[in-house]
Amino acid sequence: MARTGRKKPSLRVLVWLGVILAVLTAVLAGGTMAGKASWAPKLALDLEGGTQMILAPKVEGGSDINEEQLNQAVAIIRQRVDGSGVAEAEISTQSGRNVVVSLPGTPSAETRALIQASADMNFRPVLVTGPGAAVPAAQRTPAAKLPKPTAKPQNGSDSNWITADVQKQFEALDCAKPEQDKQQRSDPAKPLVTCEPATDQTPAIKYILGPVEVKGVEIQGSTFQLQQGAQGAVTNEWAVNIQFNGEGTAKFKKVTERLNQFYVTAGGETGSDPKSQFAIVLDDQVISAPRSQAVITDGRPQITGGFTEKSAKALSDQLRFGALPISFDIQSEQQISATLGGEQLRMGLLAGLIGLLLVVVYSLFQYRALGFVTIASLVVAGALTYLAIAILGWTENYRLSLAGVAGIIVSIGQTADSFIVYFERIRDELREGRGLVSAVENGWKRAKRTVLASKAVNLLAALVLYFVAVGNVRGFAFTLGLTAIADLIVVFMFTHPTLQQLARTRFFGEGHKFSGLDPERLGAVPLYRGAGRIRTPDDKPSVVRAKNTGAAAEAERRMTIAERRRAEQQDQLAGSSKGPAKEGK
């Protein structure tokens, strides 16, 4: 009879997996009915085609653009395109003069205007700072207590700039979800509510900034270097140096005279008042907000504070080139067909189906009815991956490229490998003479460590490849990592609970010859052999050999060197004992 036991834990896990699939399906269905999502994943430029624009960058004043400025222009466009949520875009230079932008699908008017706009850098005084998260609705300032300026602001740091509408906007702003496709620029004569994005060292910060007081075009240049100490000795701290022109020097001196008054409070505390900060704003986003610790009269301020060489260079480049009023004229715009086309996509899908079919055939041949668990697990893993890709296409504008399809195809074998490891551990336990229920539990304990280690390596490789590689290779890395996560979910929440249930059925629990878990076919030797006999290590090899040819071959293949030697010794002893007996007759 099949063994019985507790079924609730495994059933509960299967139910939770069903809930996850149902929720993901409902989310995608809701987005589809609202007209914002689609059941089909979004395709990248190489599979769907899109729009190619050739842009001619130009600097105000008619000056020619050099190669370094052109590369910075490409960086500016890439940052804007990525920030607008367009995925799998291709941006490059052409003939050392133009910028070629290829976008999947048809770009919106907002995206097109965003690409053409010139970089806008300026300096604004800080009025208020706060954490980047939105203030919960219950904790926001009541209408009766909202600011009500009664006088005209006297300078850029005057709190009368903060109106009730500005305060509401500040409290509602969530820097983790910035507005995308922003077409209209802020008014330089009015306050600005904006964010400084999070970095590896600092969290996101949001600001209320005063009007523009120094424009970016008044920067003559910027450099970065190791900071010098009071005695002129070079320290290990990096700093960024700015040089203003004559007009910028006069403006910056006047501003720092005011800001420096807020640096030291009445209690003698330094650096606690946000009004001592001066924000550097590029395209309405804060890139740095240093404090004014002294009056700068020569127009050569130095920015310090926890820079690495890489971050100091990045800020220096932004100051040098972000201040340039580079704009872009669209010289030509045309629709382009898919660079690889539907035929390549069909061939890729065919390759995936062939690979899947081979896995199915192997599973059924090797594991018989147990192979259907592999097939069902692959179906569940495929459903999870498909739903995730479709939802990411809706929420994050993720687009599936041919490289991403390749990552999914590769994952089929890796996913099946997890099931094979588990099944073989169960078979090993059955060969030791255990019942199926205990074999499933013991085999899972041994298999899950191997599965976790394997998937950890896959995820690490995918992460490294994603952050190091560029272009379509990142699409391969993304789907490879996504399918590894789906595989872990399926193995833990479907494959193992399903086997726990099957182990208690008559067909699998009693080891039907077509179940794939027949102890006799596997060459198992029971622990208790009847008539008071207990299986011993010395008995196992010879008994296994006496079973049947297939089981003997399998058991012999799995023997250790010591077991093989012991079996050979037993065979020799058996042969020598039979010889004299025959002669005696």
Protein backbone atom coordinates (compact mmCIF):
# COMPACT_ATOMS: atom_id res chain seq x y z
CA MET A 1 0.00 0.00 0.00
CA ALA A 2 1.10 3.57 -0.60
CA ARG A 3 2.25 5.42 2.45
CA THR A 4 0.09 8.13 3.90
CA GLY A 5 1.06 11.23 5.80
CA ARG A 6 0.47 14.94 6.13
CA LYS A 7 -0.66 16.46 2.84
CA LYS A 8 -1.56 19.95 3.96
CA PRO A 9 1.87 21.64 3.82
CA SER A 10 2.53 20.64 0.21
CA LEU A 11 -1.04 21.43 -0.83
CA ARG A 12 -0.78 24.84 0.81
CA VAL A 13 2.37 25.62 -1.18
CA LEU A 14 0.70 24.57 -4.44
CA VAL A 15 -2.28 26.78 -3.61
CA TRP A 16 0.01 29.76 -3.01
CA LEU A 17 1.69 29.17 -6.37
CA GLY A 18 -1.74 29.14 -7.97
CA VAL A 19 -2.53 32.44 -6.22
CA ILE A 20 0.67 34.01 -7.58
CA LEU A 21 -0.14 32.92 -11.13
CA ALA A 22 -3.73 34.14 -10.75
CA VAL A 23 -2.62 37.55 -9.44
CA LEU A 24 -0.09 38.04 -12.25
CA THR A 25 -2.72 37.05 -14.81
CA ALA A 26 -5.28 39.40 -13.25
CA VAL A 27 -2.79 42.30 -13.25
CA LEU A 28 -1.99 41.79 -16.92
CA ALA A 29 -5.67 41.33 -17.78
CA GLY A 30 -6.53 44.57 -15.97
CA GLY A 31 -3.85 46.47 -17.86
CA THR A 32 -5.04 44.98 -21.15
CA MET A 33 -8.67 45.92 -20.53
CA ALA A 34 -7.56 49.45 -19.61
CA GLY A 35 -5.77 49.68 -22.96
CA LYS A 36 -2.35 50.18 -21.36
CA ALA A 37 -0.97 46.65 -21.63
CA SER A 38 -1.01 43.75 -24.05
CA TRP A 39 -1.03 39.98 -23.69
CA ALA A 40 1.91 39.84 -26.11
CA PRO A 41 5.36 40.97 -24.93
CA LYS A 42 6.78 44.15 -26.42
CA LEU A 43 9.48 43.48 -29.01
CA ALA A 44 12.78 45.32 -29.38
CA LEU A 45 14.17 47.12 -32.39
CA ASP A 46 15.73 43.99 -33.90
CA LEU A 47 12.40 42.15 -33.96
CA GLU A 48 9.78 44.87 -34.38
CA GLY A 49 11.50 47.67 -36.24
CA GLY A 50 11.02 51.30 -35.33
CA THR A 51 12.11 54.86 -36.07
CA GLN A 52 15.57 56.12 -36.95
CA MET A 53 16.41 59.80 -36.49
CA ILE A 54 19.62 61.48 -37.61
CA LEU A 55 20.33 64.48 -35.39
CA ALA A 56 22.72 67.36 -36.07
CA PRO A 57 23.96 68.79 -32.75
CA LYS A 58 24.79 72.46 -32.60
CA VAL A 59 26.07 74.88 -29.98
CA GLU A 60 24.46 78.27 -29.54
CA GLY A 61 26.58 81.02 -31.05
CA GLY A 62 27.31 78.98 -34.17
CA SER A 63 30.55 77.40 -32.91
CA ASP A 64 31.48 73.97 -34.24
CA ILE A 65 31.12 70.94 -32.01
CA ASN A 66 34.22 68.85 -31.37
CA GLU A 67 34.46 65.09 -30.85
CA GLU A 68 34.47 65.34 -27.06
CA GLN A 69 31.36 67.50 -27.09
CA LEU A 70 29.70 65.11 -29.56
CA ASN A 71 30.34 62.15 -27.24
CA GLN A 72 28.84 64.14 -24.38
CA ALA A 73 25.85 64.91 -26.58
CA VAL A 74 25.37 61.17 -27.11
CA ALA A 75 25.57 60.65 -23.33
CA ILE A 76 22.95 63.37 -22.77
CA ILE A 77 20.57 61.80 -25.31
CA ARG A 78 21.08 58.30 -23.89
CA GLN A 79 20.31 59.59 -20.39
CA ARG A 80 17.14 61.28 -21.63
CA VAL A 81 15.97 58.25 -23.63
CA ASP A 82 16.62 55.87 -20.74
CA GLY A 83 14.91 58.28 -18.35
CA SER A 84 11.84 58.46 -20.56
CA GLY A 85 11.39 54.69 -20.26
CA VAL A 86 12.28 53.74 -23.86
CA ALA A 87 14.08 50.39 -23.77
CA GLU A 88 16.49 48.76 -26.25
CA ALA A 89 17.28 52.08 -28.02
CA GLU A 90 20.43 52.34 -30.14
CA ILE A 91 22.37 55.62 -30.04
CA SER A 92 25.62 56.21 -31.94
CA THR A 93 27.60 58.85 -33.82
CA GLN A 94 27.88 59.16 -37.59
CA SER A 95 30.80 60.63 -39.52
CA GLY A 96 32.01 62.48 -36.43
CA ARG A 97 29.27 65.08 -36.87
CA ASN A 98 25.81 63.59 -36.35
CA VAL A 99 24.01 61.46 -33.80
CA VAL A 100 21.89 58.49 -34.94
CA VAL A 101 19.02 57.51 -32.64
CA SER A 102 17.06 54.32 -33.37
CA LEU A 103 13.98 53.73 -31.21
CA PRO A 104 11.63 50.71 -31.27
CA GLY A 105 8.11 51.50 -32.39
CA THR A 106 7.01 55.08 -33.01
CA PRO A 107 8.33 57.62 -30.47
CA SER A 108 5.82 59.98 -28.91
CA ALA A 109 5.92 63.73 -29.53
CA GLU A 110 7.15 64.18 -25.96
CA THR A 111 10.08 61.79 -26.52
CA ARG A 112 10.97 63.50 -29.79
CA ALA A 113 10.91 66.94 -28.14
CA LEU A 114 12.93 65.61 -25.22
CA ILE A 115 15.67 64.39 -27.57
CA GLN A 116 15.84 67.69 -29.47
CA ALA A 117 15.92 70.01 -26.45
CA SER A 118 19.19 71.65 -25.47
CA ALA A 119 20.84 70.85 -22.17
CA ASP A 120 19.77 73.31 -19.48
CA MET A 121 22.17 73.80 -16.57
CA ASN A 122 21.83 76.46 -13.89
CA PHE A 123 22.44 77.15 -10.23
CA ARG A 124 19.58 77.63 -7.77
CA PRO A 125 19.62 78.29 -4.00
CA VAL A 126 18.13 75.57 -1.79
CA LEU A 127 15.11 76.46 0.33
CA VAL A 128 13.96 73.11 1.76
CA THR A 129 15.25 69.53 1.62
CA GLY A 130 13.64 66.25 2.59
CA PRO A 131 13.75 62.45 2.09
CA GLY A 132 12.99 61.29 -1.44
CA ALA A 133 9.82 59.37 -0.54
CA ALA A 134 6.39 60.97 -0.75
CA VAL A 135 4.86 62.11 2.54
CA PRO A 136 1.90 59.84 3.47
CA ALA A 137 -1.43 61.55 2.86
CA ALA A 138 -2.35 61.39 6.55
CA GLN A 139 0.86 63.23 7.51
CA ARG A 140 0.75 66.03 4.96
CA THR A 141 0.37 69.62 6.05
CA PRO A 142 -3.30 70.55 6.65
CA ALA A 143 -4.74 73.23 4.40
CA ALA A 144 -5.01 75.65 7.33
CA LYS A 145 -1.28 75.39 8.02
CA LEU A 146 0.00 75.62 4.45
CA PRO A 147 2.36 78.56 3.76
CA LYS A 148 0.68 81.86 2.94
CA PRO A 149 3.33 84.32 1.73
CA THR A 150 2.34 87.85 2.48
CA ALA A 151 5.32 89.68 0.98
CA LYS A 152 7.22 89.64 -2.27
CA PRO A 153 10.46 87.59 -2.03
CA GLN A 154 13.48 89.80 -1.52
CA ASN A 155 16.13 87.33 -2.77
CA GLY A 156 16.55 83.75 -3.99
CA SER A 157 16.71 82.33 -0.47
CA ASP A 158 13.53 84.04 0.76
CA SER A 159 10.99 81.57 2.20
CA ASN A 160 8.18 83.59 0.63
CA TRP A 161 8.88 81.62 -2.57
CA ILE A 162 7.23 78.61 -0.88
CA THR A 163 3.52 78.91 -1.62
CA ALA A 164 0.78 76.45 -0.66
CA ASP A 165 0.92 74.84 -4.11
CA VAL A 166 4.72 74.46 -3.93
CA GLN A 167 4.45 72.84 -0.49
CA LYS A 168 1.79 70.40 -1.70
CA GLN A 169 3.92 69.47 -4.71
CA PHE A 170 6.95 68.93 -2.48
CA GLU A 171 5.11 66.64 -0.07
CA ALA A 172 3.51 64.58 -2.88
CA LEU A 173 6.73 64.13 -4.88
CA ASP A 174 8.21 60.61 -4.82
CA CYS A 175 11.77 60.52 -6.16
CA ALA A 176 11.48 56.77 -6.77
CA LYS A 177 8.78 57.52 -9.35
CA PRO A 178 9.84 60.67 -11.18
CA GLU A 179 7.64 62.07 -13.91
CA GLN A 180 8.77 60.84 -17.31
CA ASP A 181 8.56 62.43 -20.74
CA LYS A 182 8.70 65.90 -19.21
CA GLN A 183 8.55 68.28 -22.17
CA GLN A 184 8.10 71.72 -20.63
CA ARG A 185 11.09 73.24 -18.87
CA SER A 186 10.72 74.98 -15.54
CA ASP A 187 10.46 78.77 -15.35
CA PRO A 188 13.88 80.09 -14.27
CA ALA A 189 12.19 82.97 -12.43
CA LYS A 190 10.06 80.67 -10.25
CA PRO A 191 10.80 78.07 -7.56
CA LEU A 192 11.39 74.45 -8.57
CA VAL A 193 10.46 71.22 -6.79
CA THR A 194 12.78 68.41 -7.89
CA CYS A 195 14.95 65.46 -6.83
CA GLU A 196 18.56 64.43 -6.58
CA PRO A 197 18.61 60.73 -7.60
CA ALA A 198 19.94 58.08 -5.24
CA THR A 199 23.51 56.83 -5.65
CA ASP A 200 25.47 53.92 -4.18
CA GLN A 201 26.52 56.17 -1.30
CA THR A 202 23.48 58.41 -0.73
CA PRO A 203 19.69 58.02 -0.83
CA ALA A 204 17.42 60.15 -3.01
CA ILE A 205 16.74 63.70 -1.77
CA LYS A 206 14.03 66.12 -2.84
CA TYR A 207 14.29 69.90 -2.81
CA ILE A 208 12.42 73.15 -3.02
CA LEU A 209 14.77 75.46 -4.93
CA GLY A 210 14.66 79.19 -5.43
CA PRO A 211 14.86 80.89 -8.85
CA VAL A 212 17.91 80.63 -11.10
CA GLU A 213 20.71 82.97 -9.97
CA VAL A 214 23.68 81.77 -12.05
CA LYS A 215 23.36 80.18 -15.49
CA GLY A 216 25.40 77.25 -16.69
CA VAL A 217 26.64 79.13 -19.76
CA GLU A 218 28.67 81.30 -17.37
CA ILE A 219 30.95 78.33 -16.55
CA GLN A 220 34.24 78.59 -18.43
CA GLY A 221 35.47 75.16 -17.42
CA SER A 222 35.76 72.52 -14.72
CA THR A 223 38.39 70.02 -13.61
CA PHE A 224 38.76 67.32 -10.98
CA GLN A 225 41.80 66.56 -8.86
CA LEU A 226 42.97 65.25 -5.51
CA GLN A 227 42.22 67.78 -2.79
CA GLN A 228 45.06 69.69 -1.13
CA GLY A 229 45.26 70.07 2.64
CA ALA A 230 45.90 73.23 4.67
CA GLN A 231 49.67 72.81 4.32
CA GLY A 232 49.52 72.17 0.59
CA ALA A 233 49.90 68.41 0.94
CA VAL A 234 47.82 66.26 -1.40
CA THR A 235 45.16 64.19 0.34
CA ASN A 236 43.28 61.10 -0.84
CA GLU A 237 40.03 63.07 -1.23
CA TRP A 238 38.82 64.04 -4.70
CA ALA A 239 37.45 67.50 -5.48
CA VAL A 240 35.81 69.24 -8.44
CA ASN A 241 36.91 72.75 -9.45
CA ILE A 242 34.72 75.23 -11.32
CA GLN A 243 35.79 78.37 -13.14
CA PHE A 244 33.21 81.09 -13.92
CA ASN A 245 33.55 83.88 -16.44
CA GLY A 246 33.51 87.52 -15.35
CA GLU A 247 29.74 87.85 -15.16
CA GLY A 248 29.38 84.50 -13.41
CA THR A 249 32.10 85.43 -10.91
CA ALA A 250 30.25 88.58 -9.83
CA LYS A 251 26.93 86.75 -9.51
CA PHE A 252 28.46 83.83 -7.61
CA LYS A 253 30.20 86.17 -5.17
CA LYS A 254 26.92 87.91 -4.38
CA VAL A 255 25.13 84.59 -3.87
CA THR A 256 27.80 83.08 -1.60
CA GLU A 257 27.79 86.21 0.56
CA ARG A 258 24.14 85.48 1.30
CA LEU A 259 24.41 81.68 1.58
CA ASN A 260 27.37 81.89 3.93
CA GLN A 261 25.16 83.63 6.47
CA PHE A 262 23.13 80.43 6.81
CA TYR A 263 26.19 78.17 7.20
CA VAL A 264 26.73 79.05 10.86
CA THR A 265 23.60 79.09 13.02
CA ALA A 266 22.98 81.26 16.08
CA GLY A 267 23.95 78.30 18.26
CA GLY A 268 27.29 77.96 16.53
CA GLU A 269 26.29 74.78 14.63
CA THR A 270 27.58 74.59 11.05
CA GLY A 271 26.00 73.07 7.98
CA SER A 272 22.55 72.35 9.40
CA ASP A 273 20.51 74.96 7.51
CA PRO A 274 19.61 73.81 3.96
CA LYS A 275 19.64 77.45 2.86
CA SER A 276 23.43 77.33 2.94
CA GLN A 277 23.30 74.93 -0.06
CA PHE A 278 23.52 75.88 -3.72
CA ALA A 279 22.03 73.30 -6.11
CA ILE A 280 23.55 72.51 -9.51
CA VAL A 281 20.57 71.64 -11.72
CA LEU A 282 20.81 69.88 -15.09
CA ASP A 283 17.57 69.45 -17.06
CA ASP A 284 15.57 70.32 -13.92
CA GLN A 285 17.28 67.58 -11.88
CA VAL A 286 19.77 68.20 -9.09
CA ILE A 287 23.18 66.65 -9.77
CA SER A 288 24.89 68.14 -6.70
CA ALA A 289 23.98 70.52 -3.87
CA PRO A 290 27.16 71.60 -2.02
CA ARG A 291 27.17 73.99 0.92
CA SER A 292 28.72 77.42 0.75
CA GLN A 293 31.33 77.47 3.52
CA ALA A 294 32.97 80.74 2.47
CA VAL A 295 32.48 83.77 0.25
CA ILE A 296 33.93 82.98 -3.20
CA THR A 297 35.32 86.16 -4.72
CA ASP A 298 37.53 84.81 -7.53
CA GLY A 299 34.89 82.72 -9.33
CA ARG A 300 36.79 79.47 -8.65
CA PRO A 301 34.74 77.41 -6.19
CA GLN A 302 35.80 73.88 -5.24
CA ILE A 303 33.27 71.13 -4.51
CA THR A 304 34.32 68.46 -2.00
CA GLY A 305 32.63 65.72 -0.07
CA GLY A 306 33.09 61.96 -0.49
CA PHE A 307 33.92 61.88 -4.19
CA THR A 308 35.60 58.93 -5.83
CA GLU A 309 37.72 59.52 -8.92
CA LYS A 310 34.87 58.21 -11.08
CA SER A 311 32.15 60.37 -9.49
CA ALA A 312 34.40 63.46 -9.52
CA LYS A 313 35.07 62.99 -13.24
CA ALA A 314 31.36 62.47 -13.94
CA LEU A 315 30.40 65.71 -12.18
CA SER A 316 33.22 67.60 -13.88
CA ASP A 317 32.06 66.39 -17.30
CA GLN A 318 28.47 67.34 -16.51
CA LEU A 319 29.57 70.84 -15.52
CA ARG A 320 31.72 71.29 -18.62
CA PHE A 321 29.40 69.88 -21.23
CA GLY A 322 26.00 70.07 -19.55
CA ALA A 323 26.44 73.81 -19.41
CA LEU A 324 26.90 73.96 -23.16
CA PRO A 325 23.61 74.92 -24.81
CA ILE A 326 23.72 71.97 -27.22
CA SER A 327 20.50 71.45 -29.17
CA PHE A 328 19.68 68.97 -31.92
CA ASP A 329 18.05 69.41 -35.31
CA ILE A 330 16.41 66.36 -36.87
CA GLN A 331 17.95 66.10 -40.32
CA SER A 332 16.03 62.99 -41.32
CA GLU A 333 13.52 60.60 -39.83
CA GLN A 334 12.42 57.29 -41.30
CA GLN A 335 10.75 54.06 -40.36
CA ILE A 336 13.11 51.10 -40.33
CA SER A 337 12.20 47.43 -40.59
CA ALA A 338 13.26 44.90 -38.01
CA THR A 339 17.04 44.45 -38.24
CA LEU A 340 16.62 40.70 -37.83
CA GLY A 341 12.99 40.32 -38.78
CA GLY A 342 10.18 37.94 -38.12
CA GLU A 343 11.93 35.07 -39.89
CA GLN A 344 14.77 35.09 -37.36
CA LEU A 345 12.26 35.26 -34.54
CA ARG A 346 10.43 32.23 -35.97
CA MET A 347 13.72 30.36 -36.28
CA GLY A 348 14.59 31.23 -32.70
CA LEU A 349 11.21 30.04 -31.46
CA LEU A 350 11.59 26.86 -33.54
CA ALA A 351 14.96 26.21 -31.95
CA GLY A 352 13.36 26.68 -28.54
CA LEU A 353 10.56 24.23 -29.40
CA ILE A 354 13.06 21.64 -30.65
CA GLY A 355 15.06 21.99 -27.44
CA LEU A 356 11.91 21.70 -25.38
CA LEU A 357 10.81 18.61 -27.35
CA LEU A 358 14.18 16.95 -26.79
CA VAL A 359 13.92 17.62 -23.06
CA VAL A 360 10.40 16.12 -23.04
CA VAL A 361 11.51 13.00 -24.95
CA TYR A 362 14.51 12.50 -22.70
CA SER A 363 12.43 12.99 -19.55
CA LEU A 364 9.80 10.45 -20.64
CA PHE A 365 12.43 7.93 -21.77
CA GLN A 366 14.58 8.27 -18.67
CA TYR A 367 11.93 8.85 -16.00
CA ARG A 368 8.74 7.45 -17.59
CA ALA A 369 5.66 8.82 -15.76
CA LEU A 370 7.90 10.93 -13.55
CA GLY A 371 8.85 12.80 -16.71
CA PHE A 372 5.37 14.36 -16.77
CA VAL A 373 6.35 16.23 -13.60
CA THR A 374 9.26 17.73 -15.55
CA ILE A 375 6.92 18.73 -18.38
CA ALA A 376 4.40 20.30 -15.98
CA SER A 377 7.22 22.15 -14.17
CA LEU A 378 8.51 23.56 -17.46
CA VAL A 379 5.00 24.72 -18.35
CA VAL A 380 4.62 26.52 -15.01
CA ALA A 381 8.09 28.08 -15.34
CA GLY A 382 7.22 29.22 -18.87
CA ALA A 383 3.95 30.75 -17.68
CA LEU A 384 5.71 32.67 -14.89
CA THR A 385 8.39 33.95 -17.26
CA TYR A 386 5.88 34.96 -19.93
CA LEU A 387 3.67 36.85 -17.49
CA ALA A 388 6.69 38.60 -15.96
CA ILE A 389 7.98 39.72 -19.38
CA ALA A 390 4.54 40.94 -20.47
CA ILE A 391 3.99 42.87 -17.22
CA LEU A 392 7.49 44.39 -17.36
CA GLY A 393 6.76 45.48 -20.91
CA TRP A 394 3.73 47.36 -19.61
CA THR A 395 5.15 48.81 -16.38
CA GLU A 396 8.85 49.27 -17.25
CA ASN A 397 8.61 49.35 -21.06
CA TYR A 398 10.87 46.29 -21.28
CA ARG A 399 11.25 44.98 -24.81
CA LEU A 400 12.19 41.44 -25.75
CA SER A 401 15.08 41.20 -28.21
CA LEU A 402 16.39 38.15 -30.06
CA ALA A 403 19.20 37.99 -27.52
CA GLY A 404 16.54 37.81 -24.81
CA VAL A 405 14.86 34.95 -26.69
CA ALA A 406 18.23 33.18 -26.73
CA GLY A 407 18.46 33.59 -22.95
CA ILE A 408 15.06 31.93 -22.57
CA ILE A 409 16.10 29.02 -24.83
CA VAL A 410 19.29 28.47 -22.86
CA SER A 411 17.27 28.47 -19.65
CA ILE A 412 15.22 25.44 -20.77
CA GLY A 413 18.18 23.14 -20.26
CA GLN A 414 19.16 24.82 -17.00
CA THR A 415 15.61 24.50 -15.69
CA ALA A 416 15.40 20.81 -16.64
CA ASP A 417 18.76 20.26 -14.97
CA SER A 418 17.28 21.27 -11.61
CA PHE A 419 14.59 18.60 -11.91
CA ILE A 420 17.09 15.94 -12.98
CA VAL A 421 19.27 16.65 -9.93
CA TYR A 422 16.24 16.25 -7.68
CA PHE A 423 14.98 13.06 -9.35
CA GLU A 424 18.40 11.41 -9.21
CA ARG A 425 18.71 12.18 -5.52
CA ILE A 426 15.34 10.46 -4.98
CA ARG A 427 16.50 7.44 -6.98
CA ASP A 428 19.67 7.24 -4.92
CA GLU A 429 17.56 7.11 -1.78
CA LEU A 430 15.40 4.35 -3.28
CA ARG A 431 18.51 2.32 -4.13
CA GLU A 432 19.41 2.50 -0.47
CA GLY A 433 16.16 0.72 0.30
CA ARG A 434 14.10 3.62 1.62
CA GLY A 435 10.41 4.09 0.95
CA LEU A 436 9.32 6.73 -1.53
CA VAL A 437 7.98 9.19 1.07
CA SER A 438 11.28 9.29 2.96
CA ALA A 439 13.23 9.15 -0.32
CA VAL A 440 11.46 12.31 -1.50
CA GLU A 441 12.22 14.17 1.73
CA ASN A 442 15.83 13.01 2.03
CA GLY A 443 16.44 13.51 -1.67
CA TRP A 444 15.07 17.07 -1.42
CA LYS A 445 17.41 17.90 1.44
CA ARG A 446 20.37 16.83 -0.67
CA ALA A 447 19.13 18.26 -3.96
CA LYS A 448 18.09 21.74 -2.86
CA ARG A 449 21.63 22.65 -1.82
CA THR A 450 22.86 21.75 -5.30
CA VAL A 451 19.97 23.59 -6.97
CA LEU A 452 20.50 26.73 -4.87
CA ALA A 453 24.24 26.73 -5.58
CA SER A 454 23.61 26.27 -9.31
CA LYS A 455 21.04 29.07 -9.50
CA ALA A 456 23.23 31.38 -7.42
CA VAL A 457 25.99 30.94 -10.01
CA ASN A 458 23.50 31.59 -12.84
CA LEU A 459 22.18 34.73 -11.18
CA LEU A 460 25.67 36.03 -10.43
CA ALA A 461 26.74 35.46 -14.03
CA ALA A 462 23.58 37.19 -15.29
CA LEU A 463 24.12 40.20 -13.01
CA VAL A 464 27.77 40.61 -14.00
CA LEU A 465 26.92 40.25 -17.68
CA TYR A 466 24.03 42.72 -17.39
CA PHE A 467 26.07 45.49 -15.75
CA VAL A 468 29.27 44.93 -17.73
CA ALA A 469 27.85 44.32 -21.20
CA VAL A 470 26.13 46.79 -23.49
CA GLY A 471 23.47 46.55 -26.15
CA ASN A 472 21.51 43.38 -26.80
CA VAL A 473 23.79 41.29 -24.59
CA ARG A 474 22.04 42.90 -21.63
CA GLY A 475 18.77 41.48 -22.94
CA PHE A 476 20.30 37.99 -22.87
CA ALA A 477 21.55 38.52 -19.33
CA PHE A 478 18.20 39.85 -18.14
CA THR A 479 16.13 36.91 -19.39
CA LEU A 480 18.77 34.48 -18.12
CA GLY A 481 18.47 35.93 -14.63
CA LEU A 482 14.67 36.18 -14.82
CA THR A 483 14.30 32.51 -15.79
CA ALA A 484 16.68 31.47 -13.02
CA ILE A 485 14.38 33.14 -10.48
CA ALA A 486 11.34 31.50 -12.10
CA ASP A 487 13.12 28.13 -11.92
CA LEU A 488 13.72 28.51 -8.19
CA ILE A 489 10.08 29.41 -7.62
CA VAL A 490 8.89 26.38 -9.60
CA VAL A 491 11.27 23.88 -7.97
CA PHE A 492 10.37 25.02 -4.46
CA MET A 493 6.68 25.73 -4.97
CA PHE A 494 5.64 23.16 -7.60
CA THR A 495 8.08 20.30 -8.27
CA HIS A 496 8.82 19.36 -4.66
CA PRO A 497 5.23 19.72 -3.36
CA THR A 498 3.95 17.75 -6.36
CA LEU A 499 6.34 14.88 -5.63
CA GLN A 500 5.29 14.96 -1.99
CA GLN A 501 1.72 14.39 -3.15
CA LEU A 502 2.62 11.73 -5.73
CA ALA A 503 4.71 9.79 -3.20
CA ARG A 504 1.48 8.99 -1.34
CA THR A 505 -0.34 7.62 -4.37
CA ARG A 506 -0.56 3.91 -5.17
CA PHE A 507 1.00 4.24 -8.63
CA PHE A 508 4.18 6.01 -7.49
CA GLY A 509 4.29 4.93 -3.86
CA GLU A 510 4.26 1.22 -4.70
CA GLY A 511 6.83 1.68 -7.46
CA HIS A 512 4.87 0.79 -10.59
CA LYS A 513 7.22 -0.28 -13.37
CA PHE A 514 6.15 2.72 -15.49
CA SER A 515 6.42 5.23 -12.66
CA GLY A 516 10.16 5.75 -13.09
CA LEU A 517 10.59 4.95 -9.40
CA ASP A 518 10.46 1.16 -9.47
CA PRO A 519 12.92 0.00 -6.75
CA GLU A 520 13.57 -3.29 -8.53
CA ARG A 521 14.50 -1.58 -11.79
CA LEU A 522 16.78 0.77 -9.86
CA GLY A 523 18.58 -2.17 -8.23
CA ALA A 524 17.43 -1.34 -4.72
CA VAL A 525 18.21 -3.69 -1.85
CA PRO A 526 15.78 -3.47 1.09
CA LEU A 527 17.21 -2.89 4.51
CA TYR A 528 15.30 -5.90 5.93
CA ARG A 529 15.63 -8.90 3.61
CA GLY A 530 13.38 -11.29 5.55
CA ALA A 531 14.11 -14.30 7.75
CA GLY A 532 15.94 -12.08 10.21
CA ARG A 533 18.48 -10.94 7.59
CA ILE A 534 19.61 -7.30 7.44
CA ARG A 535 21.30 -5.77 4.41
CA THR A 536 25.03 -5.21 4.90
CA PRO A 537 27.53 -3.28 2.77
CA ASP A 538 29.19 -6.52 1.74
CA ASP A 539 25.91 -8.00 0.55
CA LYS A 540 24.79 -5.04 -1.51
CA PRO A 541 26.97 -5.34 -4.65
CA SER A 542 26.50 -9.07 -5.17
CA VAL A 543 22.76 -8.91 -4.54
CA VAL A 544 22.40 -6.01 -6.92
CA ARG A 545 24.21 -7.95 -9.62
CA ALA A 546 21.82 -10.84 -9.22
CA LYS A 547 18.76 -8.70 -9.89
CA ASN A 548 18.72 -7.96 -13.59
CA THR A 549 21.07 -6.76 -16.25
CA GLY A 550 19.80 -3.16 -16.44
CA ALA A 551 19.78 -2.68 -12.70
CA ALA A 552 23.20 -4.32 -12.38
CA ALA A 553 24.72 -1.99 -14.93
CA GLU A 554 23.20 1.04 -13.22
CA ALA A 555 24.29 -0.09 -9.77
CA GLU A 556 27.79 -0.95 -10.95
CA ARG A 557 28.11 2.47 -12.54
CA ARG A 558 27.34 4.11 -9.21
CA MET A 559 29.75 1.97 -7.15
CA THR A 560 32.67 3.52 -5.41
CA ILE A 561 36.16 2.09 -5.94
CA ALA A 562 35.95 0.30 -2.60
CA GLU A 563 32.61 -1.26 -3.53
CA ARG A 564 33.97 -2.48 -6.87
CA ARG A 565 36.96 -4.09 -5.19
CA ARG A 566 34.72 -5.71 -2.63
CA ALA A 567 32.47 -7.06 -5.41
CA GLU A 568 35.47 -8.47 -7.27
CA GLN A 569 36.66 -10.18 -4.09
CA GLN A 570 33.21 -11.69 -3.59
CA ASP A 571 33.17 -12.96 -7.16
CA GLN A 572 36.58 -14.56 -6.71
CA LEU A 573 35.53 -16.18 -3.44
CA ALA A 574 32.32 -17.42 -5.03
CA GLY A 575 34.27 -18.94 -7.95
CA SER A 576 36.83 -20.69 -5.75
CA SER A 577 34.12 -22.15 -3.50
CA LYS A 578 32.22 -23.59 -6.46
CA GLY A 579 35.29 -25.28 -8.08
CA PRO A 580 36.17 -27.85 -5.37
CA ALA A 581 32.51 -28.70 -4.90
CA LYS A 582 32.20 -29.78 -8.53
CA GLU A 583 35.43 -31.85 -8.36
CA GLY A 584 34.21 -33.61 -5.25
CA LYS A 585 31.29 -35.00 -7.22
